[in-house]
Amino acid sequence: MGSTEGQNASVMLAAANWRVRNNASLPSKPCRATANLAGKAFSASGQAASALHVMAILQVYQAKLLKSLDEDGPDPEVFKEL
């Protein structure tokens, strides 16, 4: 194991031991604030991805309805769907 890997492993092990000994997940208020902001950022990106997925599904559905209108002519039910 290289020196950098060994240092990283020892830091991670020390952090894990600190957590177990002190029964806390983060050592300081700035760390907790940063973790909270990171959690909110991940949550927001997940919501944005979900919204984009729904938009893509609705666009495909709309394209199918428009194709149906083009092939079959005007239909009041299809217009209601759009």
N, C-alpha and C. Protein backbone atom coordinates (compact mmCIF):
# COMPACT_ATOMS: atom_id res chain seq x y z
N MET A 1 0.86 -1.17 0.00
CA MET A 1 0.00 0.00 0.00
C MET A 1 0.90 1.23 0.00
N GLY A 2 0.61 2.21 -0.84
CA GLY A 2 1.40 3.43 -0.94
C GLY A 2 1.23 4.31 0.28
N SER A 3 2.08 5.32 0.38
CA SER A 3 2.03 6.19 1.55
C SER A 3 0.74 6.98 1.62
N THR A 4 0.24 7.45 0.47
CA THR A 4 -1.01 8.21 0.46
C THR A 4 -2.18 7.33 0.85
N GLU A 5 -2.20 6.12 0.33
CA GLU A 5 -3.28 5.20 0.67
C GLU A 5 -3.26 4.86 2.15
N GLY A 6 -2.07 4.69 2.70
CA GLY A 6 -1.95 4.38 4.12
C GLY A 6 -2.42 5.54 4.98
N GLN A 7 -2.08 6.77 4.55
CA GLN A 7 -2.53 7.94 5.30
C GLN A 7 -4.05 8.07 5.25
N ASN A 8 -4.61 7.86 4.05
CA ASN A 8 -6.07 7.94 3.92
C ASN A 8 -6.76 6.89 4.78
N ALA A 9 -6.22 5.70 4.78
CA ALA A 9 -6.81 4.63 5.57
C ALA A 9 -6.74 4.95 7.06
N SER A 10 -5.60 5.51 7.50
CA SER A 10 -5.48 5.82 8.93
C SER A 10 -6.42 6.95 9.33
N VAL A 11 -6.61 7.93 8.45
CA VAL A 11 -7.54 9.03 8.74
C VAL A 11 -8.96 8.50 8.81
N MET A 12 -9.33 7.63 7.86
CA MET A 12 -10.68 7.08 7.86
C MET A 12 -10.92 6.22 9.10
N LEU A 13 -9.92 5.45 9.49
CA LEU A 13 -10.05 4.61 10.67
C LEU A 13 -10.19 5.47 11.93
N ALA A 14 -9.40 6.54 12.00
CA ALA A 14 -9.48 7.44 13.16
C ALA A 14 -10.86 8.10 13.22
N ALA A 15 -11.38 8.50 12.07
CA ALA A 15 -12.71 9.12 12.04
C ALA A 15 -13.77 8.12 12.48
N ALA A 16 -13.65 6.89 12.03
CA ALA A 16 -14.62 5.87 12.43
C ALA A 16 -14.54 5.61 13.93
N ASN A 17 -13.33 5.54 14.47
CA ASN A 17 -13.17 5.34 15.91
C ASN A 17 -13.73 6.51 16.70
N TRP A 18 -13.51 7.73 16.21
CA TRP A 18 -14.02 8.92 16.89
C TRP A 18 -15.54 8.85 16.95
N ARG A 19 -16.15 8.46 15.85
CA ARG A 19 -17.60 8.38 15.78
C ARG A 19 -18.14 7.36 16.78
N VAL A 20 -17.50 6.23 16.87
CA VAL A 20 -17.96 5.19 17.78
C VAL A 20 -17.77 5.63 19.23
N ARG A 21 -16.61 6.22 19.54
CA ARG A 21 -16.33 6.64 20.91
C ARG A 21 -17.24 7.76 21.37
N ASN A 22 -17.45 8.75 20.51
CA ASN A 22 -18.18 9.95 20.92
C ASN A 22 -19.66 9.90 20.57
N ASN A 23 -20.10 8.85 19.90
CA ASN A 23 -21.50 8.69 19.55
C ASN A 23 -22.05 9.90 18.78
N ALA A 24 -21.24 10.44 17.90
CA ALA A 24 -21.66 11.56 17.05
C ALA A 24 -21.21 11.26 15.63
N SER A 25 -21.96 11.77 14.68
CA SER A 25 -21.59 11.47 13.30
C SER A 25 -20.63 12.49 12.72
N LEU A 26 -20.69 13.74 13.17
CA LEU A 26 -19.79 14.77 12.65
C LEU A 26 -19.19 15.57 13.81
N PRO A 27 -17.91 15.90 13.71
CA PRO A 27 -17.21 16.46 14.86
C PRO A 27 -17.50 17.93 15.18
N SER A 28 -17.88 18.72 14.19
CA SER A 28 -18.04 20.15 14.48
C SER A 28 -19.26 20.73 13.77
N LYS A 29 -19.65 21.90 14.21
CA LYS A 29 -20.80 22.56 13.62
C LYS A 29 -20.59 22.87 12.13
N PRO A 30 -19.40 23.37 11.72
CA PRO A 30 -19.19 23.59 10.28
C PRO A 30 -19.30 22.31 9.46
N CYS A 31 -18.83 21.20 10.02
CA CYS A 31 -18.95 19.91 9.30
C CYS A 31 -20.41 19.51 9.16
N ARG A 32 -21.18 19.70 10.22
CA ARG A 32 -22.61 19.37 10.16
C ARG A 32 -23.33 20.26 9.16
N ALA A 33 -22.97 21.56 9.13
CA ALA A 33 -23.60 22.49 8.19
C ALA A 33 -23.27 22.11 6.76
N THR A 34 -22.01 21.76 6.51
CA THR A 34 -21.59 21.36 5.17
C THR A 34 -22.30 20.08 4.75
N ALA A 35 -22.38 19.12 5.66
CA ALA A 35 -23.07 17.87 5.35
C ALA A 35 -24.55 18.11 5.08
N ASN A 36 -25.15 19.02 5.82
CA ASN A 36 -26.56 19.35 5.61
C ASN A 36 -26.77 19.98 4.23
N LEU A 37 -25.88 20.91 3.87
CA LEU A 37 -25.99 21.54 2.55
C LEU A 37 -25.76 20.53 1.43
N ALA A 38 -24.80 19.63 1.62
CA ALA A 38 -24.55 18.61 0.61
C ALA A 38 -25.77 17.70 0.46
N GLY A 39 -26.40 17.35 1.57
CA GLY A 39 -27.61 16.53 1.52
C GLY A 39 -28.72 17.22 0.77
N LYS A 40 -28.88 18.52 1.02
CA LYS A 40 -29.92 19.27 0.31
C LYS A 40 -29.61 19.36 -1.18
N ALA A 41 -28.32 19.51 -1.53
CA ALA A 41 -27.94 19.56 -2.94
C ALA A 41 -28.24 18.24 -3.64
N PHE A 42 -27.91 17.13 -2.99
CA PHE A 42 -28.22 15.82 -3.57
C PHE A 42 -29.72 15.63 -3.72
N SER A 43 -30.48 16.07 -2.74
CA SER A 43 -31.94 15.95 -2.81
C SER A 43 -32.49 16.78 -3.96
N ALA A 44 -31.99 17.99 -4.11
CA ALA A 44 -32.46 18.86 -5.20
C ALA A 44 -32.11 18.27 -6.56
N SER A 45 -30.92 17.70 -6.68
CA SER A 45 -30.55 17.12 -7.97
C SER A 45 -31.40 15.89 -8.28
N GLY A 46 -31.77 15.13 -7.26
CA GLY A 46 -32.66 13.99 -7.47
C GLY A 46 -34.04 14.43 -7.91
N GLN A 47 -34.54 15.50 -7.32
CA GLN A 47 -35.85 16.02 -7.71
C GLN A 47 -35.80 16.56 -9.14
N ALA A 48 -34.70 17.22 -9.50
CA ALA A 48 -34.57 17.75 -10.86
C ALA A 48 -34.53 16.61 -11.87
N ALA A 49 -33.80 15.56 -11.55
CA ALA A 49 -33.74 14.40 -12.45
C ALA A 49 -35.11 13.77 -12.61
N SER A 50 -35.85 13.69 -11.53
CA SER A 50 -37.20 13.12 -11.59
C SER A 50 -38.10 13.97 -12.47
N ALA A 51 -38.01 15.29 -12.32
CA ALA A 51 -38.83 16.19 -13.14
C ALA A 51 -38.47 16.06 -14.62
N LEU A 52 -37.18 15.96 -14.92
CA LEU A 52 -36.76 15.80 -16.32
C LEU A 52 -37.27 14.49 -16.89
N HIS A 53 -37.26 13.44 -16.08
CA HIS A 53 -37.76 12.14 -16.54
C HIS A 53 -39.25 12.23 -16.88
N VAL A 54 -40.02 12.88 -16.02
CA VAL A 54 -41.46 13.03 -16.27
C VAL A 54 -41.68 13.86 -17.53
N MET A 55 -40.88 14.92 -17.70
CA MET A 55 -41.03 15.74 -18.91
C MET A 55 -40.77 14.92 -20.17
N ALA A 56 -39.76 14.08 -20.14
CA ALA A 56 -39.45 13.24 -21.30
C ALA A 56 -40.59 12.28 -21.60
N ILE A 57 -41.15 11.68 -20.57
CA ILE A 57 -42.27 10.75 -20.76
C ILE A 57 -43.47 11.48 -21.36
N LEU A 58 -43.77 12.67 -20.84
CA LEU A 58 -44.91 13.44 -21.36
C LEU A 58 -44.68 13.89 -22.80
N GLN A 59 -43.44 14.22 -23.15
CA GLN A 59 -43.16 14.61 -24.53
C GLN A 59 -43.37 13.45 -25.49
N VAL A 60 -42.98 12.26 -25.09
CA VAL A 60 -43.20 11.08 -25.94
C VAL A 60 -44.70 10.85 -26.10
N TYR A 61 -45.44 10.97 -25.00
CA TYR A 61 -46.90 10.78 -25.06
C TYR A 61 -47.53 11.83 -25.97
N GLN A 62 -47.08 13.08 -25.85
CA GLN A 62 -47.61 14.15 -26.69
C GLN A 62 -47.28 13.89 -28.16
N ALA A 63 -46.08 13.41 -28.44
CA ALA A 63 -45.70 13.12 -29.82
C ALA A 63 -46.59 12.02 -30.40
N LYS A 64 -46.90 11.01 -29.60
CA LYS A 64 -47.79 9.94 -30.08
C LYS A 64 -49.19 10.47 -30.36
N LEU A 65 -49.69 11.37 -29.48
CA LEU A 65 -51.01 11.95 -29.72
C LEU A 65 -51.02 12.81 -30.98
N LEU A 66 -49.97 13.58 -31.19
CA LEU A 66 -49.90 14.42 -32.39
C LEU A 66 -49.81 13.57 -33.66
N LYS A 67 -49.07 12.47 -33.58
CA LYS A 67 -49.00 11.56 -34.72
C LYS A 67 -50.37 10.96 -35.00
N SER A 68 -51.09 10.60 -33.94
CA SER A 68 -52.43 10.06 -34.08
C SER A 68 -53.36 11.08 -34.73
N LEU A 69 -53.25 12.34 -34.32
CA LEU A 69 -54.06 13.40 -34.94
C LEU A 69 -53.74 13.56 -36.41
N ASP A 70 -52.46 13.47 -36.74
CA ASP A 70 -52.03 13.64 -38.12
C ASP A 70 -52.54 12.50 -39.00
N GLU A 71 -52.50 11.29 -38.48
CA GLU A 71 -52.90 10.14 -39.28
C GLU A 71 -54.42 9.97 -39.36
N ASP A 72 -55.12 10.20 -38.26
CA ASP A 72 -56.56 9.90 -38.20
C ASP A 72 -57.45 11.12 -38.38
N GLY A 73 -56.89 12.29 -38.39
CA GLY A 73 -57.71 13.50 -38.49
C GLY A 73 -58.12 14.00 -37.12
N PRO A 74 -58.83 15.12 -37.09
CA PRO A 74 -59.21 15.71 -35.80
C PRO A 74 -60.14 14.80 -35.00
N ASP A 75 -59.85 14.68 -33.73
CA ASP A 75 -60.66 13.88 -32.82
C ASP A 75 -60.78 14.65 -31.51
N PRO A 76 -62.00 14.96 -31.08
CA PRO A 76 -62.17 15.77 -29.86
C PRO A 76 -61.52 15.15 -28.61
N GLU A 77 -61.53 13.83 -28.52
CA GLU A 77 -60.93 13.18 -27.35
C GLU A 77 -59.42 13.39 -27.31
N VAL A 78 -58.79 13.34 -28.48
CA VAL A 78 -57.34 13.55 -28.53
C VAL A 78 -57.01 14.99 -28.17
N PHE A 79 -57.84 15.94 -28.64
CA PHE A 79 -57.62 17.34 -28.29
C PHE A 79 -57.73 17.55 -26.79
N LYS A 80 -58.64 16.85 -26.14
CA LYS A 80 -58.76 16.96 -24.68
C LYS A 80 -57.51 16.45 -23.98
N GLU A 81 -56.93 15.38 -24.52
CA GLU A 81 -55.71 14.83 -23.93
C GLU A 81 -54.54 15.80 -24.05
N LEU A 82 -54.49 16.52 -25.18
CA LEU A 82 -53.39 17.47 -25.36
C LEU A 82 -53.58 18.65 -24.46
